[in-house]
């Protein structure tokens, strides 16, 4: 019951901006939640509890650029496991694995350092938002092509009507649904 109460209160801290960035879009802004230290702490606690309950064997947390870094790094520290970033091209040094993925209008690319993911590494993939599912699916693909195993995905918010979850074959745990 405590988690349900926290989730309800966290959802109240999400600001809504109609017609941003374009007419017809309803933008859910989680930065308003992060400006409230007590709410951010509750979010951290919920992320840890959901992970321990559903993905207890995670050996590393991978965060998608860029807001996945905010939440993934906090979660990794709390769990005592490594944090690994997935970045856009040109941001990481060394040998890289990459994946190109489809956007609504064009393509994009994610990269990860080869030495970050050892074969069989059980990974929790973290991002801020699950909308159409393209970036989360690409992150899963990159981890698996790098030799890791996606034990699960954790997103802070999910826009249910866009059905992005349908593109993801790994378990997805969303904290706040809109």
C-alpha atoms as a PDB file:
ATOM      1  CA  UNK A   1       0.000   0.000   0.000  1.00  0.00           C
ATOM      2  CA  UNK A   2       2.868   2.360   0.774  1.00  0.00           C
ATOM      3  CA  UNK A   3       4.158   2.095  -2.812  1.00  0.00           C
ATOM      4  CA  UNK A   4       0.727   2.846  -4.298  1.00  0.00           C
ATOM      5  CA  UNK A   5       0.516   5.970  -2.150  1.00  0.00           C
ATOM      6  CA  UNK A   6       3.996   7.087  -3.224  1.00  0.00           C
ATOM      7  CA  UNK A   7       3.208   6.488  -6.899  1.00  0.00           C
ATOM      8  CA  UNK A   8       0.023   8.537  -6.647  1.00  0.00           C
ATOM      9  CA  UNK A   9       1.905  11.379  -4.979  1.00  0.00           C
ATOM     10  CA  UNK A  10       4.731  11.182  -7.534  1.00  0.00           C
ATOM     11  CA  UNK A  11       2.255  11.441 -10.394  1.00  0.00           C
ATOM     12  CA  UNK A  12       0.918  14.653  -8.858  1.00  0.00           C
ATOM     13  CA  UNK A  13       4.412  16.171  -9.210  1.00  0.00           C
ATOM     14  CA  UNK A  14       4.471  15.686 -12.987  1.00  0.00           C
ATOM     15  CA  UNK A  15       3.625  18.932 -14.802  1.00  0.00           C
ATOM     16  CA  UNK A  16       1.511  18.859 -17.948  1.00  0.00           C
ATOM     17  CA  UNK A  17       2.005  21.240 -20.873  1.00  0.00           C
ATOM     18  CA  UNK A  18      -0.585  21.050 -23.650  1.00  0.00           C
ATOM     19  CA  UNK A  19       0.550  21.818 -27.204  1.00  0.00           C
ATOM     20  CA  UNK A  20       4.263  21.461 -26.448  1.00  0.00           C
ATOM     21  CA  UNK A  21       6.468  21.186 -28.432  1.00  0.00           C
ATOM     22  CA  UNK A  22       3.823  21.271 -31.167  1.00  0.00           C
ATOM     23  CA  UNK A  23       0.044  21.624 -31.262  1.00  0.00           C
ATOM     24  CA  UNK A  24      -1.775  18.440 -30.280  1.00  0.00           C
ATOM     25  CA  UNK A  25       1.028  17.091 -28.093  1.00  0.00           C
ATOM     26  CA  UNK A  26       0.558  16.844 -24.312  1.00  0.00           C
ATOM     27  CA  UNK A  27       4.021  17.063 -22.749  1.00  0.00           C
ATOM     28  CA  UNK A  28       4.578  15.410 -19.352  1.00  0.00           C
ATOM     29  CA  UNK A  29       7.463  17.151 -17.589  1.00  0.00           C
ATOM     30  CA  UNK A  30       9.198  15.160 -14.887  1.00  0.00           C
ATOM     31  CA  UNK A  31      11.685  17.917 -14.092  1.00  0.00           C
ATOM     32  CA  UNK A  32       9.038  19.422 -11.805  1.00  0.00           C
ATOM     33  CA  UNK A  33       9.275  16.214  -9.746  1.00  0.00           C
ATOM     34  CA  UNK A  34      13.061  16.480  -9.555  1.00  0.00           C
ATOM     35  CA  UNK A  35      12.805  20.017  -8.149  1.00  0.00           C
ATOM     36  CA  UNK A  36      11.136  18.555  -5.070  1.00  0.00           C
ATOM     37  CA  UNK A  37      13.786  16.714  -2.997  1.00  0.00           C
ATOM     38  CA  UNK A  38      11.219  14.681  -1.031  1.00  0.00           C
ATOM     39  CA  UNK A  39       9.495  13.537  -4.225  1.00  0.00           C
ATOM     40  CA  UNK A  40      12.831  12.687  -5.855  1.00  0.00           C
ATOM     41  CA  UNK A  41      13.752  10.626  -2.787  1.00  0.00           C
ATOM     42  CA  UNK A  42      10.418   8.802  -2.989  1.00  0.00           C
ATOM     43  CA  UNK A  43      11.059   8.143  -6.684  1.00  0.00           C
ATOM     44  CA  UNK A  44      14.455   6.686  -5.806  1.00  0.00           C
ATOM     45  CA  UNK A  45      12.889   4.454  -3.158  1.00  0.00           C
ATOM     46  CA  UNK A  46      10.206   3.216  -5.563  1.00  0.00           C
ATOM     47  CA  UNK A  47      12.780   2.500  -8.301  1.00  0.00           C
ATOM     48  CA  UNK A  48      14.857   0.461  -5.865  1.00  0.00           C
ATOM     49  CA  UNK A  49      11.846  -1.459  -4.545  1.00  0.00           C
ATOM     50  CA  UNK A  50      10.497  -2.252  -8.023  1.00  0.00           C
ATOM     51  CA  UNK A  51      13.933  -3.419  -9.159  1.00  0.00           C
ATOM     52  CA  UNK A  52      14.585  -5.587  -6.109  1.00  0.00           C
ATOM     53  CA  UNK A  53      11.139  -7.147  -6.420  1.00  0.00           C
ATOM     54  CA  UNK A  54      11.134  -7.762 -10.181  1.00  0.00           C
ATOM     55  CA  UNK A  55      14.757  -7.872 -11.353  1.00  0.00           C
ATOM     56  CA  UNK A  56      16.758  -8.983  -8.298  1.00  0.00           C
ATOM     57  CA  UNK A  57      19.532 -10.545 -10.377  1.00  0.00           C
ATOM     58  CA  UNK A  58      20.497  -7.373 -12.276  1.00  0.00           C
ATOM     59  CA  UNK A  59      24.286  -7.069 -12.402  1.00  0.00           C
ATOM     60  CA  UNK A  60      24.447  -3.611 -14.006  1.00  0.00           C
ATOM     61  CA  UNK A  61      22.207  -0.670 -14.792  1.00  0.00           C
ATOM     62  CA  UNK A  62      22.316   0.771 -18.302  1.00  0.00           C
ATOM     63  CA  UNK A  63      20.883   4.247 -18.850  1.00  0.00           C
ATOM     64  CA  UNK A  64      19.766   5.692 -22.179  1.00  0.00           C
ATOM     65  CA  UNK A  65      20.961   9.174 -23.051  1.00  0.00           C
ATOM     66  CA  UNK A  66      20.222  11.459 -21.449  1.00  0.00           C
ATOM     67  CA  UNK A  67      17.527  11.331 -18.803  1.00  0.00           C
ATOM     68  CA  UNK A  68      18.142   7.629 -18.329  1.00  0.00           C
ATOM     69  CA  UNK A  69      21.465   8.776 -16.841  1.00  0.00           C
ATOM     70  CA  UNK A  70      19.684  10.720 -14.083  1.00  0.00           C
ATOM     71  CA  UNK A  71      17.638   7.779 -12.895  1.00  0.00           C
ATOM     72  CA  UNK A  72      19.932   4.913 -13.817  1.00  0.00           C
ATOM     73  CA  UNK A  73      22.958   6.268 -11.989  1.00  0.00           C
ATOM     74  CA  UNK A  74      20.944   6.863  -8.803  1.00  0.00           C
ATOM     75  CA  UNK A  75      19.559   3.332  -9.021  1.00  0.00           C
ATOM     76  CA  UNK A  76      22.988   1.788  -9.645  1.00  0.00           C
ATOM     77  CA  UNK A  77      24.425   3.502  -6.565  1.00  0.00           C
ATOM     78  CA  UNK A  78      21.525   2.307  -4.410  1.00  0.00           C
ATOM     79  CA  UNK A  79      21.856  -1.274  -5.701  1.00  0.00           C
ATOM     80  CA  UNK A  80      25.658  -1.291  -5.465  1.00  0.00           C
ATOM     81  CA  UNK A  81      26.120  -2.317  -9.107  1.00  0.00           C
ATOM     82  CA  UNK A  82      27.841  -0.629 -12.087  1.00  0.00           C
ATOM     83  CA  UNK A  83      26.225   2.055 -14.218  1.00  0.00           C
ATOM     84  CA  UNK A  84      26.781   1.923 -17.996  1.00  0.00           C
ATOM     85  CA  UNK A  85      25.714   4.698 -20.374  1.00  0.00           C
ATOM     86  CA  UNK A  86      24.297   4.270 -23.861  1.00  0.00           C
ATOM     87  CA  UNK A  87      25.037   7.447 -25.783  1.00  0.00           C
ATOM     88  CA  UNK A  88      24.418   9.152 -29.086  1.00  0.00           C
ATOM     89  CA  UNK A  89      27.261   8.996 -31.660  1.00  0.00           C
ATOM     90  CA  UNK A  90      30.532  10.757 -30.976  1.00  0.00           C
ATOM     91  CA  UNK A  91      30.183  10.937 -27.186  1.00  0.00           C
ATOM     92  CA  UNK A  92      32.102   7.829 -26.050  1.00  0.00           C
ATOM     93  CA  UNK A  93      35.806   7.015 -26.491  1.00  0.00           C
ATOM     94  CA  UNK A  94      37.326   3.632 -27.274  1.00  0.00           C
ATOM     95  CA  UNK A  95      35.928   0.671 -29.153  1.00  0.00           C
ATOM     96  CA  UNK A  96      32.176   0.864 -29.508  1.00  0.00           C
ATOM     97  CA  UNK A  97      29.205  -1.256 -30.465  1.00  0.00           C
ATOM     98  CA  UNK A  98      26.390   0.614 -32.155  1.00  0.00           C
ATOM     99  CA  UNK A  99      22.857   0.186 -33.400  1.00  0.00           C
ATOM    100  CA  UNK A 100      20.903   2.313 -35.842  1.00  0.00           C
ATOM    101  CA  UNK A 101      17.186   2.569 -35.243  1.00  0.00           C
ATOM    102  CA  UNK A 102      14.161   4.018 -36.953  1.00  0.00           C
ATOM    103  CA  UNK A 103      12.522   7.229 -35.829  1.00  0.00           C
ATOM    104  CA  UNK A 104       9.189   8.530 -37.012  1.00  0.00           C
ATOM    105  CA  UNK A 105      11.033  10.673 -39.590  1.00  0.00           C
ATOM    106  CA  UNK A 106      14.514   9.254 -40.176  1.00  0.00           C
ATOM    107  CA  UNK A 107      17.015   7.267 -38.163  1.00  0.00           C
ATOM    108  CA  UNK A 108      19.214   7.667 -35.109  1.00  0.00           C
ATOM    109  CA  UNK A 109      22.057   5.733 -33.535  1.00  0.00           C
ATOM    110  CA  UNK A 110      23.093   4.560 -30.059  1.00  0.00           C
ATOM    111  CA  UNK A 111      26.576   3.502 -28.949  1.00  0.00           C
ATOM    112  CA  UNK A 112      28.055   1.640 -25.981  1.00  0.00           C
ATOM    113  CA  UNK A 113      31.671   0.948 -25.048  1.00  0.00           C
ATOM    114  CA  UNK A 114      32.565  -2.656 -25.906  1.00  0.00           C
ATOM    115  CA  UNK A 115      34.277  -3.343 -22.592  1.00  0.00           C
ATOM    116  CA  UNK A 116      31.159  -2.242 -20.650  1.00  0.00           C
ATOM    117  CA  UNK A 117      29.089  -5.340 -21.344  1.00  0.00           C
ATOM    118  CA  UNK A 118      30.625  -8.724 -20.656  1.00  0.00           C
ATOM    119  CA  UNK A 119      29.001 -11.808 -22.191  1.00  0.00           C
ATOM    120  CA  UNK A 120      25.987 -12.885 -20.152  1.00  0.00           C
ATOM    121  CA  UNK A 121      25.862  -9.699 -18.057  1.00  0.00           C
ATOM    122  CA  UNK A 122      22.315  -9.297 -16.710  1.00  0.00           C
ATOM    123  CA  UNK A 123      21.293  -5.707 -17.307  1.00  0.00           C
ATOM    124  CA  UNK A 124      18.494  -3.452 -16.146  1.00  0.00           C
ATOM    125  CA  UNK A 125      17.838  -0.864 -18.871  1.00  0.00           C
ATOM    126  CA  UNK A 126      16.551   2.479 -17.539  1.00  0.00           C
ATOM    127  CA  UNK A 127      14.959   5.412 -19.326  1.00  0.00           C
ATOM    128  CA  UNK A 128      12.689   8.260 -18.361  1.00  0.00           C
ATOM    129  CA  UNK A 129       9.853   7.720 -20.815  1.00  0.00           C
ATOM    130  CA  UNK A 130       8.307   4.951 -22.864  1.00  0.00           C
ATOM    131  CA  UNK A 131       6.339   6.499 -25.714  1.00  0.00           C
ATOM    132  CA  UNK A 132       6.551   4.834 -29.129  1.00  0.00           C
ATOM    133  CA  UNK A 133       9.199   2.347 -27.941  1.00  0.00           C
ATOM    134  CA  UNK A 134      11.862   3.000 -30.582  1.00  0.00           C
ATOM    135  CA  UNK A 135      14.715   4.085 -28.326  1.00  0.00           C
ATOM    136  CA  UNK A 136      14.026   1.459 -25.634  1.00  0.00           C
ATOM    137  CA  UNK A 137      13.889  -1.284 -28.269  1.00  0.00           C
ATOM    138  CA  UNK A 138      17.174  -0.020 -29.757  1.00  0.00           C
ATOM    139  CA  UNK A 139      18.783  -0.003 -26.304  1.00  0.00           C
ATOM    140  CA  UNK A 140      17.714  -3.616 -25.737  1.00  0.00           C
ATOM    141  CA  UNK A 141      19.064  -4.589 -29.147  1.00  0.00           C
ATOM    142  CA  UNK A 142      22.407  -2.890 -28.485  1.00  0.00           C
ATOM    143  CA  UNK A 143      22.831  -4.615 -25.111  1.00  0.00           C
ATOM    144  CA  UNK A 144      22.023  -8.020 -26.595  1.00  0.00           C
ATOM    145  CA  UNK A 145      24.277  -7.519 -29.630  1.00  0.00           C
ATOM    146  CA  UNK A 146      27.032  -6.575 -27.157  1.00  0.00           C
ATOM    147  CA  UNK A 147      26.628  -9.928 -25.386  1.00  0.00           C
ATOM    148  CA  UNK A 148      24.482  -8.841 -22.463  1.00  0.00           C
ATOM    149  CA  UNK A 149      21.065 -10.022 -21.379  1.00  0.00           C
ATOM    150  CA  UNK A 150      18.299  -7.503 -20.722  1.00  0.00           C
ATOM    151  CA  UNK A 151      16.757  -8.776 -17.505  1.00  0.00           C
ATOM    152  CA  UNK A 152      14.195  -5.987 -17.631  1.00  0.00           C
ATOM    153  CA  UNK A 153      13.465  -2.377 -18.492  1.00  0.00           C
ATOM    154  CA  UNK A 154      12.444   0.311 -16.016  1.00  0.00           C
ATOM    155  CA  UNK A 155      10.831   3.542 -17.173  1.00  0.00           C
ATOM    156  CA  UNK A 156       9.616   6.364 -15.004  1.00  0.00           C
ATOM    157  CA  UNK A 157       6.649   7.272 -17.224  1.00  0.00           C
ATOM    158  CA  UNK A 158       4.738   5.399 -19.903  1.00  0.00           C
ATOM    159  CA  UNK A 159       2.344   6.974 -22.393  1.00  0.00           C
ATOM    160  CA  UNK A 160      -0.054   4.039 -22.712  1.00  0.00           C
ATOM    161  CA  UNK A 161      -1.973   5.170 -25.791  1.00  0.00           C
ATOM    162  CA  UNK A 162       1.216   5.107 -27.906  1.00  0.00           C
ATOM    163  CA  UNK A 163       1.645   1.359 -27.182  1.00  0.00           C
ATOM    164  CA  UNK A 164       5.452   1.458 -27.175  1.00  0.00           C
ATOM    165  CA  UNK A 165       5.516  -1.537 -24.849  1.00  0.00           C
ATOM    166  CA  UNK A 166       4.263  -3.673 -27.744  1.00  0.00           C
ATOM    167  CA  UNK A 167       7.672  -3.265 -29.448  1.00  0.00           C
ATOM    168  CA  UNK A 168       9.662  -4.493 -26.439  1.00  0.00           C
ATOM    169  CA  UNK A 169      10.098  -8.237 -25.942  1.00  0.00           C
ATOM    170  CA  UNK A 170      11.779  -7.904 -22.522  1.00  0.00           C
ATOM    171  CA  UNK A 171       9.820  -7.240 -19.308  1.00  0.00           C
ATOM    172  CA  UNK A 172       8.952  -3.544 -18.885  1.00  0.00           C
ATOM    173  CA  UNK A 173       8.168  -1.955 -15.532  1.00  0.00           C
ATOM    174  CA  UNK A 174       6.708   1.534 -15.696  1.00  0.00           C
ATOM    175  CA  UNK A 175       6.182   3.543 -12.533  1.00  0.00           C
ATOM    176  CA  UNK A 176       3.777   6.249 -13.723  1.00  0.00           C
ATOM    177  CA  UNK A 177       1.254   5.626 -16.471  1.00  0.00           C
ATOM    178  CA  UNK A 178      -0.465   8.342 -18.450  1.00  0.00           C
END
